[in-house]
Amino acid sequence: MNLSERLNDDMKQAMRSQEKFKLTTIRMIRSSMKNLEIDLKRPLEDAEVLDILSREIKQRKDSLQEFEKAGREDLAKDVAAEIEIISVYLPQQLTEEEIKVIVQQTIQETGASSKAEMGKVMSALLPKVKGRADGKLVNTFVQQFLQ
């Protein structure tokens, strides 16, 4: 079962069990998916669905920080719950140590030695960690190792 089918099945299950918050969250994701399908004029592949899920998580994490900064705990709680629901559909996230190892290996593979070559490292690295690590964190580690 691919991700689109899994989301569809979970949406139906949320309707049956009357989990309104989960249903709303899944519908928002499916709406983003549908918009991309219309733009591409074809069904989405799992990699594209993962991109959408990662983007939705990133948006919500940014919102969560802003709500917490503004002292809006009510909104922060809702966004945190949405992040939890969406995270179920993402692959197992890499630990910081695993990311560091992958970053070091990629730097060795590309032969990069300075921050000027950061783009080359990032372009080789991002496909390896796609959907499994936060891009900001990966970027931070690359900068750290390319001093």
C-alpha atoms as a PDB file:
ATOM      1  CA  MET A   1       0.000   0.000   0.000  1.00  0.00           C
ATOM      2  CA  ASN A   2       1.475   3.354  -0.984  1.00  0.00           C
ATOM      3  CA  LEU A   3       1.277   6.522   1.093  1.00  0.00           C
ATOM      4  CA  SER A   4      -1.675   7.989  -0.809  1.00  0.00           C
ATOM      5  CA  GLU A   5      -3.751   4.854  -0.226  1.00  0.00           C
ATOM      6  CA  ARG A   6      -2.705   4.749   3.425  1.00  0.00           C
ATOM      7  CA  LEU A   7      -3.768   8.360   3.938  1.00  0.00           C
ATOM      8  CA  ASN A   8      -7.076   7.664   2.211  1.00  0.00           C
ATOM      9  CA  ASP A   9      -7.720   4.592   4.395  1.00  0.00           C
ATOM     10  CA  ASP A  10      -6.794   6.483   7.563  1.00  0.00           C
ATOM     11  CA  MET A  11      -9.097   9.323   6.558  1.00  0.00           C
ATOM     12  CA  LYS A  12     -11.991   6.875   6.170  1.00  0.00           C
ATOM     13  CA  GLN A  13     -11.134   5.285   9.524  1.00  0.00           C
ATOM     14  CA  ALA A  14     -11.049   8.712  11.198  1.00  0.00           C
ATOM     15  CA  MET A  15     -14.517   9.423   9.739  1.00  0.00           C
ATOM     16  CA  ARG A  16     -15.886   6.136  11.081  1.00  0.00           C
ATOM     17  CA  SER A  17     -14.403   6.623  14.537  1.00  0.00           C
ATOM     18  CA  GLN A  18     -15.370  10.322  14.533  1.00  0.00           C
ATOM     19  CA  GLU A  19     -11.838  11.585  15.230  1.00  0.00           C
ATOM     20  CA  LYS A  20     -12.496  15.084  13.935  1.00  0.00           C
ATOM     21  CA  PHE A  21      -9.049  16.541  14.596  1.00  0.00           C
ATOM     22  CA  LYS A  22      -7.241  13.676  12.854  1.00  0.00           C
ATOM     23  CA  LEU A  23      -9.718  13.825   9.986  1.00  0.00           C
ATOM     24  CA  THR A  24      -9.149  17.557   9.517  1.00  0.00           C
ATOM     25  CA  THR A  25      -5.374  17.123   9.543  1.00  0.00           C
ATOM     26  CA  ILE A  26      -5.438  14.305   6.986  1.00  0.00           C
ATOM     27  CA  ARG A  27      -7.808  16.300   4.783  1.00  0.00           C
ATOM     28  CA  MET A  28      -5.359  19.238   4.801  1.00  0.00           C
ATOM     29  CA  ILE A  29      -2.564  16.914   3.673  1.00  0.00           C
ATOM     30  CA  ARG A  30      -4.739  15.339   0.989  1.00  0.00           C
ATOM     31  CA  SER A  31      -5.691  18.811  -0.217  1.00  0.00           C
ATOM     32  CA  SER A  32      -2.014  19.681  -0.725  1.00  0.00           C
ATOM     33  CA  MET A  33      -1.548  16.369  -2.523  1.00  0.00           C
ATOM     34  CA  LYS A  34      -4.542  16.980  -4.767  1.00  0.00           C
ATOM     35  CA  ASN A  35      -3.267  20.441  -5.701  1.00  0.00           C
ATOM     36  CA  LEU A  36       0.074  18.980  -6.772  1.00  0.00           C
ATOM     37  CA  GLU A  37      -1.661  16.183  -8.698  1.00  0.00           C
ATOM     38  CA  ILE A  38      -3.667  18.800 -10.595  1.00  0.00           C
ATOM     39  CA  ASP A  39      -0.510  20.779 -11.367  1.00  0.00           C
ATOM     40  CA  LEU A  40       1.379  17.672 -12.538  1.00  0.00           C
ATOM     41  CA  LYS A  41      -1.680  16.157 -14.269  1.00  0.00           C
ATOM     42  CA  ARG A  42      -0.832  12.693 -12.926  1.00  0.00           C
ATOM     43  CA  PRO A  43      -1.035  10.690  -9.690  1.00  0.00           C
ATOM     44  CA  LEU A  44       1.711  11.352  -7.156  1.00  0.00           C
ATOM     45  CA  GLU A  45       4.546   8.974  -6.405  1.00  0.00           C
ATOM     46  CA  ASP A  46       5.517   8.163  -2.820  1.00  0.00           C
ATOM     47  CA  ALA A  47       8.585  10.435  -3.017  1.00  0.00           C
ATOM     48  CA  GLU A  48       6.371  13.381  -3.931  1.00  0.00           C
ATOM     49  CA  VAL A  49       3.966  12.578  -1.096  1.00  0.00           C
ATOM     50  CA  LEU A  50       6.960  12.463   1.274  1.00  0.00           C
ATOM     51  CA  ASP A  51       7.988  15.916   0.044  1.00  0.00           C
ATOM     52  CA  ILE A  52       4.513  17.225   0.835  1.00  0.00           C
ATOM     53  CA  LEU A  53       4.510  15.613   4.285  1.00  0.00           C
ATOM     54  CA  SER A  54       7.960  17.042   5.044  1.00  0.00           C
ATOM     55  CA  ARG A  55       6.842  20.500   3.919  1.00  0.00           C
ATOM     56  CA  GLU A  56       3.691  20.296   6.069  1.00  0.00           C
ATOM     57  CA  ILE A  57       5.747  19.234   9.116  1.00  0.00           C
ATOM     58  CA  LYS A  58       8.221  22.080   8.532  1.00  0.00           C
ATOM     59  CA  GLN A  59       5.425  24.648   8.273  1.00  0.00           C
ATOM     60  CA  ARG A  60       3.862  23.404  11.479  1.00  0.00           C
ATOM     61  CA  LYS A  61       7.175  23.386  13.360  1.00  0.00           C
ATOM     62  CA  ASP A  62       7.736  26.997  12.327  1.00  0.00           C
ATOM     63  CA  SER A  63       4.208  27.867  13.482  1.00  0.00           C
ATOM     64  CA  LEU A  64       4.756  26.007  16.747  1.00  0.00           C
ATOM     65  CA  GLN A  65       7.836  28.112  17.516  1.00  0.00           C
ATOM     66  CA  GLU A  66       5.963  31.322  16.768  1.00  0.00           C
ATOM     67  CA  PHE A  67       2.955  30.338  18.883  1.00  0.00           C
ATOM     68  CA  GLU A  68       5.184  29.386  21.811  1.00  0.00           C
ATOM     69  CA  LYS A  69       7.093  32.662  21.464  1.00  0.00           C
ATOM     70  CA  ALA A  70       3.794  34.579  21.509  1.00  0.00           C
ATOM     71  CA  GLY A  71       2.524  32.626  24.529  1.00  0.00           C
ATOM     72  CA  ARG A  72      -0.377  31.052  22.618  1.00  0.00           C
ATOM     73  CA  GLU A  73      -0.362  27.636  24.291  1.00  0.00           C
ATOM     74  CA  ASP A  74      -3.834  26.795  22.942  1.00  0.00           C
ATOM     75  CA  LEU A  75      -2.672  27.115  19.330  1.00  0.00           C
ATOM     76  CA  ALA A  76       0.698  25.511  20.085  1.00  0.00           C
ATOM     77  CA  LYS A  77      -1.066  22.452  21.491  1.00  0.00           C
ATOM     78  CA  ASP A  78      -3.143  22.022  18.317  1.00  0.00           C
ATOM     79  CA  VAL A  79      -0.137  22.411  16.026  1.00  0.00           C
ATOM     80  CA  ALA A  80       1.876  19.931  18.107  1.00  0.00           C
ATOM     81  CA  ALA A  81      -0.963  17.423  17.744  1.00  0.00           C
ATOM     82  CA  GLU A  82      -0.991  17.947  13.958  1.00  0.00           C
ATOM     83  CA  ILE A  83       2.780  17.344  13.840  1.00  0.00           C
ATOM     84  CA  GLU A  84       2.276  14.102  15.746  1.00  0.00           C
ATOM     85  CA  ILE A  85      -0.405  12.915  13.293  1.00  0.00           C
ATOM     86  CA  ILE A  86       1.662  13.782  10.201  1.00  0.00           C
ATOM     87  CA  SER A  87       4.857  12.252  11.635  1.00  0.00           C
ATOM     88  CA  VAL A  88       3.222   8.820  11.557  1.00  0.00           C
ATOM     89  CA  TYR A  89       3.439   8.859   7.754  1.00  0.00           C
ATOM     90  CA  LEU A  90       7.105   9.842   7.548  1.00  0.00           C
ATOM     91  CA  PRO A  91       9.898   7.261   7.562  1.00  0.00           C
ATOM     92  CA  GLN A  92      11.900   6.694  10.748  1.00  0.00           C
ATOM     93  CA  GLN A  93      13.887   9.869  11.441  1.00  0.00           C
ATOM     94  CA  LEU A  94      17.670   9.672  11.617  1.00  0.00           C
ATOM     95  CA  THR A  95      19.425  10.464  14.894  1.00  0.00           C
ATOM     96  CA  GLU A  96      21.940  13.308  15.047  1.00  0.00           C
ATOM     97  CA  GLU A  97      24.774  10.789  15.198  1.00  0.00           C
ATOM     98  CA  GLU A  98      23.534   8.993  12.076  1.00  0.00           C
ATOM     99  CA  ILE A  99      23.241  12.327  10.264  1.00  0.00           C
ATOM    100  CA  LYS A 100      26.799  13.270  11.258  1.00  0.00           C
ATOM    101  CA  VAL A 101      28.135   9.973   9.895  1.00  0.00           C
ATOM    102  CA  ILE A 102      26.280  10.418   6.580  1.00  0.00           C
ATOM    103  CA  VAL A 103      27.516  14.038   6.336  1.00  0.00           C
ATOM    104  CA  GLN A 104      31.135  12.986   6.922  1.00  0.00           C
ATOM    105  CA  GLN A 105      30.874  10.170   4.358  1.00  0.00           C
ATOM    106  CA  THR A 106      29.379  12.523   1.765  1.00  0.00           C
ATOM    107  CA  ILE A 107      32.089  15.124   2.365  1.00  0.00           C
ATOM    108  CA  GLN A 108      34.712  12.426   1.777  1.00  0.00           C
ATOM    109  CA  GLU A 109      32.919  11.170  -1.354  1.00  0.00           C
ATOM    110  CA  THR A 110      32.698  14.650  -2.868  1.00  0.00           C
ATOM    111  CA  GLY A 111      36.210  15.646  -1.791  1.00  0.00           C
ATOM    112  CA  ALA A 112      34.940  18.951  -0.407  1.00  0.00           C
ATOM    113  CA  SER A 113      37.281  20.857   1.886  1.00  0.00           C
ATOM    114  CA  SER A 114      35.797  24.332   2.321  1.00  0.00           C
ATOM    115  CA  LYS A 115      32.476  26.082   2.767  1.00  0.00           C
ATOM    116  CA  ALA A 116      32.736  27.217  -0.857  1.00  0.00           C
ATOM    117  CA  GLU A 117      31.961  23.623  -1.853  1.00  0.00           C
ATOM    118  CA  MET A 118      28.946  23.367   0.422  1.00  0.00           C
ATOM    119  CA  GLY A 119      26.484  23.313  -2.492  1.00  0.00           C
ATOM    120  CA  LYS A 120      28.203  20.275  -3.982  1.00  0.00           C
ATOM    121  CA  VAL A 121      28.007  18.442  -0.629  1.00  0.00           C
ATOM    122  CA  MET A 122      24.366  19.393  -0.022  1.00  0.00           C
ATOM    123  CA  SER A 123      23.273  18.282  -3.510  1.00  0.00           C
ATOM    124  CA  ALA A 124      24.891  14.885  -2.946  1.00  0.00           C
ATOM    125  CA  LEU A 125      23.650  14.630   0.638  1.00  0.00           C
ATOM    126  CA  LEU A 126      19.987  15.630   0.465  1.00  0.00           C
ATOM    127  CA  PRO A 127      18.819  12.613  -1.580  1.00  0.00           C
ATOM    128  CA  LYS A 128      20.389  10.335   1.053  1.00  0.00           C
ATOM    129  CA  VAL A 129      18.452  11.869   3.947  1.00  0.00           C
ATOM    130  CA  LYS A 130      15.274  12.934   2.137  1.00  0.00           C
ATOM    131  CA  GLY A 131      12.268  12.710   4.450  1.00  0.00           C
ATOM    132  CA  ARG A 132      14.399  11.262   7.240  1.00  0.00           C
ATOM    133  CA  ALA A 133      16.167  14.372   8.531  1.00  0.00           C
ATOM    134  CA  ASP A 134      15.501  18.083   8.923  1.00  0.00           C
ATOM    135  CA  GLY A 135      17.267  20.089   6.220  1.00  0.00           C
ATOM    136  CA  LYS A 136      18.308  22.824   8.667  1.00  0.00           C
ATOM    137  CA  LEU A 137      20.003  20.277  10.910  1.00  0.00           C
ATOM    138  CA  VAL A 138      21.803  18.680   7.960  1.00  0.00           C
ATOM    139  CA  ASN A 139      22.924  22.121   6.781  1.00  0.00           C
ATOM    140  CA  THR A 140      24.246  22.923  10.263  1.00  0.00           C
ATOM    141  CA  PHE A 141      26.326  19.745  10.366  1.00  0.00           C
ATOM    142  CA  VAL A 142      27.740  20.345   6.883  1.00  0.00           C
ATOM    143  CA  GLN A 143      28.797  23.855   7.903  1.00  0.00           C
ATOM    144  CA  GLN A 144      30.310  22.451  11.071  1.00  0.00           C
ATOM    145  CA  PHE A 145      32.446  19.902   9.213  1.00  0.00           C
ATOM    146  CA  LEU A 146      33.478  22.281   6.406  1.00  0.00           C
ATOM    147  CA  GLN A 147      35.214  24.954   8.456  1.00  0.00           C
END
